[in-house]
Protein backbone atom coordinates (compact mmCIF):
# COMPACT_ATOMS: atom_id res chain seq x y z
CA MET A 1 151.33 103.34 108.35
CA PRO A 2 151.64 100.40 110.79
CA GLY A 3 150.06 97.24 109.49
CA CYS A 4 149.85 98.35 105.83
CA THR A 5 152.05 96.92 103.05
CA ASP A 6 153.86 99.22 100.69
CA ASP A 7 152.29 99.76 97.27
CA ILE A 8 154.63 98.97 94.36
CA VAL A 9 154.80 101.71 91.76
CA ASP A 10 156.50 101.65 88.37
CA LEU A 11 156.22 105.04 86.71
CA SER A 12 158.56 104.14 83.89
CA ASP A 13 155.78 102.38 81.93
CA LYS A 14 153.06 104.55 83.50
CA THR A 15 151.10 101.67 85.00
CA PHE A 16 150.20 100.63 88.48
CA ARG A 17 150.69 97.02 89.47
CA ARG A 18 147.87 97.56 91.90
CA PRO A 19 145.52 100.51 92.47
CA LEU A 20 146.92 103.14 94.82
CA ALA A 21 145.02 105.41 97.11
CA ALA A 22 145.56 109.05 96.15
CA HIS A 23 147.29 109.86 99.45
CA ASN A 24 149.81 107.04 98.89
CA ILE A 25 150.69 108.41 95.44
CA LEU A 26 151.17 111.83 96.95
CA LEU A 27 153.34 110.31 99.63
CA TYR A 28 155.55 108.67 97.04
CA LEU A 29 155.98 111.84 95.00
CA LEU A 30 156.74 113.92 98.04
CA SER A 31 159.49 111.49 98.80
CA LEU A 32 161.20 112.77 95.65
CA HIS A 33 161.44 116.26 97.12
CA PRO A 34 164.99 117.24 98.25
CA THR A 35 163.80 117.18 101.84
CA TYR A 36 161.33 114.52 102.88
CA ARG A 37 160.09 113.80 106.37
CA HIS A 38 159.41 110.04 106.60
CA THR A 39 157.50 108.37 109.43
CA THR A 40 158.70 104.97 110.63
CA ARG A 41 158.00 102.78 113.64
CA GLU A 42 161.06 104.31 115.31
CA GLY A 43 159.83 107.87 114.79
CA VAL A 44 160.36 110.66 112.28
CA ARG A 45 163.59 111.01 110.34
CA LEU A 46 164.69 113.61 107.80
CA VAL A 47 165.90 112.19 104.50
CA LYS A 48 168.25 114.19 102.23
CA LEU A 49 167.70 113.28 98.56
CA SER A 50 168.71 116.48 96.79
CA ALA A 51 171.93 115.03 95.47
CA MET A 52 170.21 112.08 93.83
CA PHE A 53 166.98 113.78 92.64
CA PRO A 54 167.45 117.47 91.72
CA LEU A 55 163.71 117.96 91.05
CA ARG A 56 161.83 121.21 91.13
CA LEU A 57 158.27 121.92 92.16
CA PRO A 58 156.85 122.18 88.57
CA LEU A 59 158.04 118.68 87.79
CA LEU A 60 156.64 117.46 91.09
CA ALA A 61 153.24 118.90 90.23
CA ALA A 62 153.32 117.28 86.81
CA LEU A 63 154.11 113.87 88.24
CA LEU A 64 151.35 114.28 90.79
CA GLY A 65 148.82 115.09 88.06
CA LEU A 66 149.96 112.09 86.02
CA ALA A 67 149.64 109.74 88.95
CA LEU A 68 146.20 110.98 89.95
CA SER A 69 144.90 110.80 86.38
CA GLN A 70 146.16 107.23 86.07
CA TYR A 71 144.39 106.33 89.27
CA GLU A 72 141.14 107.91 88.13
CA TYR A 73 141.03 105.98 84.86
CA GLY A 74 142.77 102.83 86.07
CA ASP A 75 141.38 99.39 86.82
CA ASP A 76 138.83 100.73 89.32
CA TYR A 77 137.08 102.99 86.81
CA GLN A 78 133.35 102.21 86.60
CA PRO A 79 131.76 102.71 83.15
CA ALA A 80 128.36 104.36 82.72
CA GLU A 81 125.25 102.19 82.85
CA ILE A 82 124.83 100.23 79.64
CA ARG A 83 121.35 100.42 78.10
CA PRO A 84 119.76 97.19 76.92
CA PRO A 85 120.10 96.64 73.17
CA THR A 86 117.28 97.83 70.92
CA PRO A 87 115.03 94.91 69.90
CA ARG A 88 115.68 93.47 66.49
CA CYS A 89 112.99 93.65 63.83
CA ALA A 90 111.69 91.10 61.34
CA ASP A 91 112.96 91.80 57.84
CA GLU A 92 109.43 92.11 56.49
CA CYS A 93 108.44 94.72 59.06
CA GLU A 94 109.42 98.05 60.56
CA CYS A 95 110.36 98.91 64.16
CA PRO A 96 110.63 102.70 64.53
CA THR A 97 113.38 104.02 66.78
CA HIS A 98 110.95 106.18 68.76
CA PHE A 99 108.80 103.09 69.50
CA SER A 100 111.28 100.24 69.32
CA THR A 101 109.06 97.73 71.13
CA ALA A 102 106.46 97.93 68.35
CA MET A 103 106.70 95.96 65.11
CA TYR A 104 104.63 97.24 62.18
CA CYS A 105 103.92 94.56 59.59
CA ASN A 106 100.62 95.93 58.32
CA SER A 107 99.73 96.28 54.62
CA ARG A 108 102.71 94.25 53.33
CA GLU A 109 100.90 91.44 51.51
CA LEU A 110 102.11 88.86 54.03
CA LYS A 111 100.65 85.37 53.91
CA ALA A 112 102.19 84.11 57.14
CA VAL A 113 103.20 85.71 60.43
CA PRO A 114 106.99 86.26 60.57
CA MET A 115 109.09 85.23 63.56
CA VAL A 116 108.80 87.96 66.17
CA PRO A 117 112.15 88.88 67.81
CA THR A 118 112.77 89.23 71.53
CA GLY A 119 111.88 92.60 73.01
CA ILE A 120 108.81 93.30 70.86
CA GLN A 121 105.61 93.97 72.83
CA TYR A 122 103.23 95.33 70.18
CA VAL A 123 102.67 93.60 66.83
CA TYR A 124 100.54 95.09 64.04
CA LEU A 125 99.67 92.63 61.26
CA GLN A 126 96.43 94.06 59.92
CA ASP A 127 95.55 94.45 56.23
CA ASN A 128 97.56 91.52 54.87
CA HIS A 129 96.73 88.14 53.30
CA LEU A 130 97.46 86.01 56.34
CA THR A 131 96.01 82.52 56.20
CA GLU A 132 98.03 80.89 58.97
CA ILE A 133 99.89 81.40 62.22
CA LYS A 134 102.56 78.75 62.69
CA ALA A 135 103.61 77.45 66.08
CA GLY A 136 106.77 79.07 67.38
CA VAL A 137 106.48 82.53 65.80
CA PHE A 138 105.71 84.08 69.20
CA ASP A 139 108.00 81.90 71.34
CA ASN A 140 110.48 84.77 71.84
CA VAL A 141 107.82 87.25 72.98
CA THR A 142 105.81 85.55 75.68
CA ASP A 143 105.40 89.02 77.23
CA LEU A 144 103.64 90.39 74.12
CA ARG A 145 100.96 92.95 75.06
CA TRP A 146 99.08 93.78 71.83
CA LEU A 147 98.40 91.58 68.80
CA ILE A 148 96.45 93.14 65.91
CA LEU A 149 95.39 90.79 63.08
CA ASP A 150 92.44 92.64 61.50
CA ASN A 151 91.46 92.28 57.84
CA ASN A 152 93.15 89.01 56.92
CA GLN A 153 92.00 85.53 55.93
CA LEU A 154 92.67 83.59 59.10
CA THR A 155 90.68 80.46 59.87
CA ASN A 156 90.69 78.31 62.97
CA GLY A 157 92.46 75.58 61.04
CA GLY A 158 95.18 77.98 59.97
CA ILE A 159 96.06 78.92 63.56
CA GLU A 160 98.31 76.07 64.65
CA LYS A 161 97.89 74.63 68.12
CA GLY A 162 100.24 76.31 70.56
CA SER A 163 100.93 79.31 68.31
CA ILE A 164 99.38 81.86 70.70
CA ASP A 165 98.93 79.77 73.85
CA LYS A 166 102.12 81.12 75.45
CA LEU A 167 100.99 84.76 75.22
CA THR A 168 99.90 84.82 78.86
CA LYS A 169 100.53 88.58 79.23
CA LEU A 170 98.49 89.67 76.21
CA GLU A 171 96.23 92.67 76.90
CA LYS A 172 94.58 93.34 73.53
CA LEU A 173 93.70 90.78 70.85
CA HIS A 174 92.07 92.06 67.65
CA ILE A 175 91.14 89.56 64.91
CA ASN A 176 88.37 91.52 63.15
CA ASN A 177 87.19 90.70 59.64
CA ASN A 178 88.71 87.26 59.20
CA LYS A 179 87.16 83.80 58.74
CA LEU A 180 87.06 82.44 62.26
CA THR A 181 84.23 80.11 63.26
CA GLU A 182 85.27 79.93 66.92
CA VAL A 183 86.85 82.38 69.35
CA VAL A 184 90.60 81.86 69.69
CA VAL A 185 92.27 83.37 72.79
CA PRO A 186 95.27 82.56 74.99
CA LYS A 187 94.79 82.04 78.72
CA SER A 188 95.96 85.52 79.64
CA SER A 189 95.01 86.95 83.02
CA ALA A 190 96.13 90.37 81.70
CA MET A 191 93.60 90.41 78.83
CA GLU A 192 91.60 93.64 78.73
CA GLU A 193 90.00 93.76 75.28
CA ILE A 194 88.95 91.15 72.71
CA LYS A 195 87.72 92.19 69.26
CA MET A 196 86.59 89.53 66.79
CA MET A 197 84.02 91.43 64.74
CA GLY A 198 83.11 90.44 61.20
CA ASN A 199 83.88 86.72 61.40
CA GLU A 200 81.72 83.59 61.20
CA ILE A 201 81.77 82.68 64.89
CA THR A 202 78.77 80.58 65.96
CA LYS A 203 79.57 79.90 69.61
CA ILE A 204 81.82 80.58 72.60
CA PRO A 205 82.34 77.53 74.81
CA ALA A 206 81.55 78.09 78.49
CA GLY A 207 84.74 78.59 80.48
CA LEU A 208 86.85 79.72 77.53
CA LEU A 209 87.25 83.20 79.05
CA SER A 210 87.48 82.07 82.67
CA GLY A 211 90.33 83.57 84.67
CA MET A 212 90.39 86.78 82.64
CA ASP A 213 89.72 88.99 85.62
CA ASN A 214 90.89 92.16 83.82
CA LEU A 215 88.74 91.68 80.72
CA THR A 216 86.61 94.83 80.32
CA ALA A 217 85.41 94.82 76.68
CA VAL A 218 84.36 92.13 74.20
CA HIS A 219 83.30 93.03 70.65
CA LEU A 220 81.62 90.22 68.68
CA ASN A 221 79.27 92.03 66.34
CA LYS A 222 78.72 90.79 62.78
CA ASN A 223 79.09 87.08 63.49
CA GLN A 224 76.73 84.09 63.53
CA LEU A 225 76.25 83.78 67.28
CA THR A 226 73.14 82.12 68.66
CA SER A 227 71.68 82.40 72.16
CA ASP A 228 72.53 78.79 72.98
CA GLY A 229 76.02 79.23 71.52
CA ILE A 230 76.99 81.89 74.08
CA ALA A 231 75.01 80.74 77.11
CA GLY A 232 77.32 81.04 80.11
CA ALA A 233 80.25 82.25 78.00
CA PHE A 234 80.72 85.40 80.10
CA LYS A 235 79.82 84.02 83.49
CA GLY A 236 82.34 84.74 86.23
CA LEU A 237 84.08 87.65 84.52
CA LYS A 238 84.72 90.19 87.26
CA SER A 239 85.52 93.31 85.24
CA LEU A 240 83.48 93.04 82.04
CA MET A 241 81.89 96.42 81.31
CA LEU A 242 81.02 96.28 77.60
CA LEU A 243 79.63 93.48 75.45
CA ASP A 244 78.79 94.09 71.80
CA VAL A 245 76.84 91.27 70.13
CA CYS A 246 75.10 93.34 67.45
CA GLU A 247 74.28 91.77 64.07
CA ASN A 248 74.13 88.16 65.14
CA LYS A 249 71.34 85.57 65.39
CA LEU A 250 70.32 85.91 69.02
CA LYS A 251 66.75 85.03 70.01
CA LYS A 252 67.24 86.48 73.51
CA LEU A 253 69.79 88.51 75.44
CA PRO A 254 72.92 86.60 76.58
CA ALA A 255 72.38 84.62 79.74
CA GLY A 256 74.73 84.54 82.72
CA MET A 257 76.10 88.05 82.35
CA PRO A 258 78.37 89.38 85.14
CA SER A 259 77.00 92.05 87.47
CA SER A 260 79.82 94.43 86.45
CA LEU A 261 78.29 95.00 82.98
CA MET A 262 77.59 98.65 82.11
CA MET A 263 76.97 98.53 78.32
CA LEU A 264 75.12 95.83 76.40
CA TYR A 265 74.66 96.28 72.66
CA ALA A 266 72.39 93.75 70.96
CA ASP A 267 71.03 95.64 67.94
CA HIS A 268 70.13 93.82 64.71
CA ASN A 269 69.30 90.40 66.13
CA GLU A 270 66.13 88.29 66.33
CA ILE A 271 65.24 88.94 69.97
CA GLU A 272 61.55 88.51 70.72
CA SER A 273 61.41 88.82 74.49
CA ILE A 274 63.29 89.73 77.66
CA ALA A 275 62.99 88.03 81.05
CA LEU A 276 61.46 90.06 83.90
CA SER A 277 64.48 89.66 86.20
CA TYR A 278 67.13 90.14 83.52
CA LEU A 279 68.03 93.76 84.29
CA GLN A 280 67.61 93.28 88.03
CA LYS A 281 70.66 91.01 87.91
CA LEU A 282 72.69 93.78 86.25
CA PRO A 283 72.69 96.57 88.84
CA THR A 284 75.30 98.69 87.03
CA LEU A 285 73.87 98.45 83.49
CA GLN A 286 73.52 101.98 82.08
CA TYR A 287 73.25 101.50 78.31
CA LEU A 288 71.01 98.90 76.68
CA ARG A 289 70.56 98.88 72.92
CA MET A 290 68.08 96.48 71.31
CA SER A 291 67.07 98.24 68.11
CA HIS A 292 66.14 96.27 64.97
CA ASN A 293 64.83 93.19 66.77
CA LYS A 294 61.41 91.49 67.02
CA LEU A 295 60.18 92.75 70.37
CA GLN A 296 56.42 92.82 70.93
CA ASP A 297 54.41 93.89 73.96
CA SER A 298 53.84 90.27 74.92
CA GLY A 299 57.60 89.74 75.20
CA VAL A 300 58.17 92.80 77.43
CA PRO A 301 56.96 92.20 81.02
CA ALA A 302 55.58 95.22 82.90
CA GLY A 303 58.34 97.08 84.71
CA VAL A 304 61.22 95.14 83.15
CA PHE A 305 62.93 98.42 82.17
CA ASN A 306 62.05 100.22 85.40
CA VAL A 307 65.52 100.03 86.93
CA SER A 308 67.40 102.88 88.55
CA ALA A 309 70.81 102.49 86.86
CA LEU A 310 69.61 102.63 83.25
CA ILE A 311 70.49 105.90 81.46
CA GLU A 312 69.96 105.00 77.79
CA LEU A 313 67.45 102.56 76.29
CA ASP A 314 67.14 101.97 72.55
CA LEU A 315 64.11 99.92 71.47
CA SER A 316 63.67 101.48 68.04
CA TYR A 317 62.67 99.44 64.98
CA ASN A 318 60.72 96.78 66.84
CA LYS A 319 57.01 95.90 67.01
CA LEU A 320 55.98 97.48 70.29
CA GLY A 321 52.39 98.76 70.55
CA ALA A 322 52.84 100.70 73.79
CA ILE A 323 55.49 102.76 75.54
CA PRO A 324 57.10 100.47 78.14
CA GLU A 325 57.44 101.59 81.74
CA VAL A 326 60.89 103.05 82.42
CA GLY A 327 62.81 104.27 85.45
CA GLU A 328 62.82 107.91 86.51
CA ASN A 329 66.61 108.16 86.02
CA LEU A 330 66.44 107.29 82.32
CA GLU A 331 67.75 110.16 80.15
CA HIS A 332 67.60 108.86 76.56
CA LEU A 333 64.73 106.76 75.20
CA TYR A 334 64.52 105.74 71.55
CA LEU A 335 61.24 104.18 70.39
CA GLN A 336 61.02 105.35 66.78
CA VAL A 337 59.53 103.08 64.13
CA ASN A 338 57.36 100.84 66.28
CA GLU A 339 53.56 100.46 66.37
CA ILE A 340 52.81 102.72 69.32
CA SER A 341 49.43 104.47 69.17
CA LYS A 342 49.10 106.00 72.65
CA PHE A 343 51.24 108.42 74.67
CA ASP A 344 50.86 107.16 78.22
CA VAL A 345 52.39 109.53 80.78
CA SER A 346 52.37 106.77 83.41
CA SER A 347 55.13 105.06 81.43
CA PHE A 348 57.42 107.86 82.61
CA CYS A 349 55.84 109.21 85.80
CA LYS A 350 53.83 107.26 88.36
CA VAL A 351 52.92 110.51 90.03
CA VAL A 352 52.94 113.85 88.21
CA SER A 353 54.00 116.65 90.55
CA PRO A 354 56.58 119.46 90.79
CA VAL A 355 58.85 117.20 92.87
CA SER A 356 58.27 113.93 91.03
CA TYR A 357 59.23 113.92 87.37
CA SER A 358 61.23 112.03 84.75
CA LYS A 359 64.86 112.85 83.89
CA ILE A 360 64.38 112.12 80.19
CA LYS A 361 66.24 114.56 77.92
CA ASP A 362 65.79 112.86 74.53
CA LEU A 363 62.61 111.07 73.49
CA ARG A 364 62.01 109.74 70.00
CA LEU A 365 58.58 108.47 69.04
CA ASP A 366 58.61 109.32 65.34
CA GLY A 367 57.59 106.58 62.92
CA ASN A 368 54.71 105.43 65.16
CA ASN A 369 50.95 105.95 65.10
CA LEU A 370 51.18 109.20 67.06
CA THR A 371 50.61 112.87 66.33
CA PRO A 372 51.55 116.00 68.33
CA GLN A 373 47.97 116.01 69.58
CA SER A 374 48.60 112.59 71.14
CA MET A 375 50.59 114.18 73.95
CA PRO A 376 48.46 114.87 77.04
CA MET A 377 48.72 118.19 78.90
CA GLU A 378 50.51 116.66 81.90
CA ALA A 379 53.35 115.45 79.64
CA ALA A 380 55.08 118.83 79.97
CA GLN A 381 55.07 118.58 83.76
CA CYS A 382 56.21 114.94 83.66
CA LEU A 383 59.06 115.65 81.22
CA PRO A 384 60.38 119.09 82.24
CA LEU A 385 63.99 118.23 81.30
CA ALA A 386 63.23 117.01 77.79
CA THR A 387 65.08 119.10 75.21
CA GLU A 388 64.03 117.00 72.22
CA VAL A 389 60.77 115.12 71.74
CA LEU A 390 60.05 113.77 68.28
CA ILE A 391 56.60 112.44 67.43
């Protein structure tokens, strides 16, 4: 063709000096036929080659197949996509092939966290004898998502400075049943769940959890938290839905809670009172549990629990002498083992009528100073949805 240079072919060693287009290879092989019509700038001329190359069609076909196969698998051949290598695993641990980004180091009597190789995103280190986390062990996995350290012997002093600070993509951090006295968390905006139950934590500095806009659940039960020690600790969290501070030393409910909160568990504390406006600042709170505290009537302002969002309220095992006023949307009310001596229908229904009634389904009043005869006649009309009432 005009303007194109001839491709050089050497079939003797079965290699191409440069890749040929398939039509050029065919052109060359056809030239070996006894009669070959060749196009030049001057026109078309007929070339007689039968005397020099007595080839037959079968041989021509064979050469054509050879040339085309060499072109297909020559220098221009593109290999299949190469998959990234499977992450390595620490010698002390196991990384299953079906879940190669997870490293299982649990129940192996480890005393220190091994170096975590690149590519690992989930690390399970529970049920060991860990006493320390050295700086650098997580340097290769700054994109780690889960870190599970339950049931060890970790202390704040044993967690070296900078050891977990780089885990800015961590989503779940579990350090249950260790010996921490303070909460230890990296500044991760991806954090969704923190569990540090069964430690010796006394406080959470204000601002420690700031910036964790995806944090939805915090479990801190069975610690030594005080009301002053967690004042403002959860302020500003935009997504917090569940806070569990059961079995601590709180004198009052945590202050400065975000409006996104839906579940607050504060059983087994030393709470004596609740502020009148506390629940009004939590418009989405549906579950409030305050059993096994020291609540008395004097510490429960009238109407404090009369909020529309509340679905479950547990005030059992306190020192209440009267049934507190609750909202008409409440479905589960637990008041067993108090000092209540009167069944007051007005606590549930301001007006008793066929169109105005309480939505309570479960009501427990056993363990009080009540008898079945304590229920007034209008109670049945006020509580038509109740399937279980224990007195």
